[in-house]
């Protein structure tokens, strides 16, 4: 359980950081307020991503194992 929690928090941090930066760039480009907008988006995205990663992580892992073993 401890590993699952740490993994969900760390993976969601990295993914939400990169994805929020990419989406912010797509939406506003390299505007003067890019960094501020990016950090605001990341602060909202990270908790949601962590919850989703923790909740759905085991199911996705099982699906991945199934797909790997199927082929």
N, C-alpha and C. Protein backbone atom coordinates (compact mmCIF):
# COMPACT_ATOMS: atom_id res chain seq x y z
N UNK A 1 0.83 -1.20 0.00
CA UNK A 1 0.00 0.00 0.00
C UNK A 1 0.87 1.26 0.00
N UNK A 2 1.97 1.21 0.75
CA UNK A 2 2.86 2.38 0.82
C UNK A 2 3.47 2.66 -0.56
N UNK A 3 3.91 1.60 -1.25
CA UNK A 3 4.47 1.77 -2.59
C UNK A 3 3.43 2.34 -3.53
N UNK A 4 2.21 1.83 -3.47
CA UNK A 4 1.13 2.30 -4.34
C UNK A 4 0.86 3.79 -4.14
N UNK A 5 0.87 4.23 -2.90
CA UNK A 5 0.64 5.64 -2.60
C UNK A 5 1.78 6.51 -3.11
N UNK A 6 3.02 6.12 -2.82
CA UNK A 6 4.17 6.89 -3.30
C UNK A 6 4.22 6.93 -4.83
N UNK A 7 3.97 5.80 -5.44
CA UNK A 7 3.99 5.75 -6.91
C UNK A 7 2.92 6.67 -7.49
N UNK A 8 1.71 6.63 -6.95
CA UNK A 8 0.62 7.47 -7.45
C UNK A 8 0.96 8.95 -7.30
N UNK A 9 1.51 9.33 -6.16
CA UNK A 9 1.85 10.74 -5.93
C UNK A 9 2.97 11.20 -6.87
N UNK A 10 4.02 10.40 -6.98
CA UNK A 10 5.15 10.80 -7.83
C UNK A 10 4.80 10.79 -9.31
N UNK A 11 4.14 9.74 -9.76
CA UNK A 11 3.78 9.65 -11.18
C UNK A 11 2.79 10.75 -11.55
N UNK A 12 1.82 11.01 -10.70
CA UNK A 12 0.85 12.05 -10.99
C UNK A 12 1.50 13.43 -10.98
N UNK A 13 2.50 13.61 -10.13
CA UNK A 13 3.23 14.89 -10.10
C UNK A 13 3.91 15.15 -11.44
N UNK A 14 4.64 14.15 -11.92
CA UNK A 14 5.37 14.31 -13.18
C UNK A 14 4.40 14.50 -14.35
N UNK A 15 3.40 13.62 -14.44
CA UNK A 15 2.46 13.70 -15.56
C UNK A 15 1.65 15.00 -15.55
N UNK A 16 1.13 15.38 -14.39
CA UNK A 16 0.33 16.60 -14.35
C UNK A 16 1.19 17.84 -14.61
N UNK A 17 2.44 17.82 -14.16
CA UNK A 17 3.35 18.94 -14.41
C UNK A 17 3.58 19.12 -15.91
N UNK A 18 3.93 18.01 -16.58
CA UNK A 18 4.21 18.09 -18.02
C UNK A 18 2.96 18.36 -18.85
N UNK A 19 1.87 17.69 -18.53
CA UNK A 19 0.63 17.87 -19.30
C UNK A 19 0.04 19.26 -19.11
N UNK A 20 0.06 19.77 -17.89
CA UNK A 20 -0.48 21.11 -17.67
C UNK A 20 0.37 22.15 -18.38
N UNK A 21 1.69 21.93 -18.43
CA UNK A 21 2.55 22.84 -19.19
C UNK A 21 2.25 22.80 -20.66
N UNK A 22 2.06 21.61 -21.20
CA UNK A 22 1.76 21.46 -22.63
C UNK A 22 0.41 22.10 -22.99
N UNK A 23 -0.60 21.83 -22.20
CA UNK A 23 -1.93 22.37 -22.48
C UNK A 23 -1.94 23.89 -22.29
N UNK A 24 -1.24 24.39 -21.30
CA UNK A 24 -1.14 25.83 -21.11
C UNK A 24 -0.46 26.47 -22.31
N UNK A 25 0.59 25.85 -22.80
CA UNK A 25 1.28 26.35 -23.99
C UNK A 25 0.34 26.35 -25.21
N UNK A 26 -0.41 25.29 -25.39
CA UNK A 26 -1.35 25.23 -26.50
C UNK A 26 -2.41 26.33 -26.38
N UNK A 27 -2.88 26.58 -25.17
CA UNK A 27 -3.94 27.56 -24.96
C UNK A 27 -3.48 29.00 -25.07
N UNK A 28 -2.31 29.34 -24.50
CA UNK A 28 -1.92 30.75 -24.47
C UNK A 28 -0.57 31.03 -25.12
N UNK A 29 0.15 29.98 -25.52
CA UNK A 29 1.48 30.20 -26.09
C UNK A 29 2.45 30.67 -25.03
N UNK A 30 3.58 31.22 -25.48
CA UNK A 30 4.57 31.72 -24.52
C UNK A 30 4.27 33.17 -24.14
N UNK A 31 3.11 33.37 -23.56
CA UNK A 31 2.68 34.70 -23.14
C UNK A 31 3.47 35.12 -21.90
N UNK A 32 3.33 36.40 -21.55
CA UNK A 32 4.03 36.93 -20.38
C UNK A 32 3.63 36.19 -19.09
N UNK A 33 2.40 35.74 -19.02
CA UNK A 33 1.91 35.07 -17.82
C UNK A 33 1.95 33.55 -17.94
N UNK A 34 2.75 33.03 -18.87
CA UNK A 34 2.78 31.59 -19.10
C UNK A 34 3.12 30.81 -17.83
N UNK A 35 4.19 31.18 -17.16
CA UNK A 35 4.62 30.43 -15.98
C UNK A 35 3.57 30.48 -14.87
N UNK A 36 2.96 31.63 -14.67
CA UNK A 36 1.93 31.76 -13.65
C UNK A 36 0.71 30.91 -14.00
N UNK A 37 0.29 30.96 -15.25
CA UNK A 37 -0.85 30.16 -15.69
C UNK A 37 -0.55 28.67 -15.59
N UNK A 38 0.68 28.29 -15.96
CA UNK A 38 1.08 26.89 -15.89
C UNK A 38 1.04 26.39 -14.46
N UNK A 39 1.61 27.14 -13.53
CA UNK A 39 1.65 26.71 -12.14
C UNK A 39 0.24 26.66 -11.53
N UNK A 40 -0.62 27.59 -11.94
CA UNK A 40 -2.01 27.56 -11.45
C UNK A 40 -2.72 26.31 -11.97
N UNK A 41 -2.51 25.97 -13.23
CA UNK A 41 -3.11 24.77 -13.80
C UNK A 41 -2.56 23.52 -13.12
N UNK A 42 -1.25 23.51 -12.87
CA UNK A 42 -0.64 22.34 -12.23
C UNK A 42 -1.16 22.14 -10.81
N UNK A 43 -1.32 23.22 -10.07
CA UNK A 43 -1.83 23.12 -8.70
C UNK A 43 -3.24 22.53 -8.65
N UNK A 44 -4.01 22.77 -9.69
CA UNK A 44 -5.35 22.17 -9.76
C UNK A 44 -5.31 20.74 -10.29
N UNK A 45 -4.38 20.47 -11.20
CA UNK A 45 -4.32 19.16 -11.85
C UNK A 45 -3.70 18.08 -10.96
N UNK A 46 -2.69 18.44 -10.18
CA UNK A 46 -1.97 17.42 -9.43
C UNK A 46 -2.85 16.64 -8.45
N UNK A 47 -3.65 17.29 -7.61
CA UNK A 47 -4.48 16.49 -6.69
C UNK A 47 -5.45 15.57 -7.43
N UNK A 48 -6.03 16.06 -8.51
CA UNK A 48 -6.94 15.23 -9.29
C UNK A 48 -6.20 14.05 -9.90
N UNK A 49 -5.03 14.30 -10.45
CA UNK A 49 -4.24 13.23 -11.06
C UNK A 49 -3.79 12.21 -10.02
N UNK A 50 -3.43 12.66 -8.84
CA UNK A 50 -3.01 11.74 -7.78
C UNK A 50 -4.16 10.83 -7.36
N UNK A 51 -5.32 11.41 -7.20
CA UNK A 51 -6.51 10.63 -6.83
C UNK A 51 -6.83 9.60 -7.91
N UNK A 52 -6.81 10.03 -9.16
CA UNK A 52 -7.11 9.14 -10.28
C UNK A 52 -6.07 8.04 -10.39
N UNK A 53 -4.79 8.38 -10.25
CA UNK A 53 -3.72 7.38 -10.33
C UNK A 53 -3.84 6.36 -9.20
N UNK A 54 -4.16 6.82 -8.01
CA UNK A 54 -4.31 5.90 -6.88
C UNK A 54 -5.52 5.00 -7.06
N UNK A 55 -6.61 5.58 -7.55
CA UNK A 55 -7.85 4.83 -7.70
C UNK A 55 -7.79 3.82 -8.84
N UNK A 56 -7.28 4.24 -10.01
CA UNK A 56 -7.31 3.40 -11.19
C UNK A 56 -6.00 2.66 -11.47
N UNK A 57 -4.96 2.96 -10.74
CA UNK A 57 -3.66 2.33 -10.95
C UNK A 57 -3.69 0.82 -10.97
N UNK A 58 -4.29 0.18 -9.97
CA UNK A 58 -4.31 -1.29 -9.96
C UNK A 58 -5.06 -1.89 -11.17
N UNK A 59 -6.15 -1.28 -11.56
CA UNK A 59 -6.91 -1.78 -12.72
C UNK A 59 -6.12 -1.63 -14.00
N UNK A 60 -5.45 -0.51 -14.16
CA UNK A 60 -4.64 -0.30 -15.35
C UNK A 60 -3.46 -1.27 -15.36
N UNK A 61 -2.89 -1.50 -14.22
CA UNK A 61 -1.78 -2.46 -14.13
C UNK A 61 -2.24 -3.87 -14.50
N UNK A 62 -3.40 -4.27 -14.04
CA UNK A 62 -3.94 -5.58 -14.41
C UNK A 62 -4.20 -5.67 -15.91
N UNK A 63 -4.75 -4.60 -16.48
CA UNK A 63 -5.01 -4.57 -17.92
C UNK A 63 -3.70 -4.67 -18.70
N UNK A 64 -2.68 -3.97 -18.26
CA UNK A 64 -1.38 -4.04 -18.93
C UNK A 64 -0.80 -5.44 -18.86
N UNK A 65 -0.90 -6.07 -17.70
CA UNK A 65 -0.43 -7.46 -17.57
C UNK A 65 -1.20 -8.39 -18.52
N UNK A 66 -2.50 -8.19 -18.59
CA UNK A 66 -3.33 -9.01 -19.48
C UNK A 66 -2.90 -8.82 -20.94
N UNK A 67 -2.71 -7.58 -21.36
CA UNK A 67 -2.34 -7.31 -22.75
C UNK A 67 -0.95 -7.86 -23.08
N UNK A 68 -0.03 -7.77 -22.15
CA UNK A 68 1.33 -8.30 -22.39
C UNK A 68 1.30 -9.82 -22.47
N UNK A 69 0.56 -10.46 -21.59
CA UNK A 69 0.52 -11.92 -21.57
C UNK A 69 -0.32 -12.51 -22.70
N UNK A 70 -1.23 -11.71 -23.25
CA UNK A 70 -2.10 -12.16 -24.34
C UNK A 70 -1.32 -12.35 -25.64
N UNK A 71 -0.33 -11.50 -25.86
CA UNK A 71 0.40 -11.55 -27.14
C UNK A 71 1.59 -12.45 -27.13
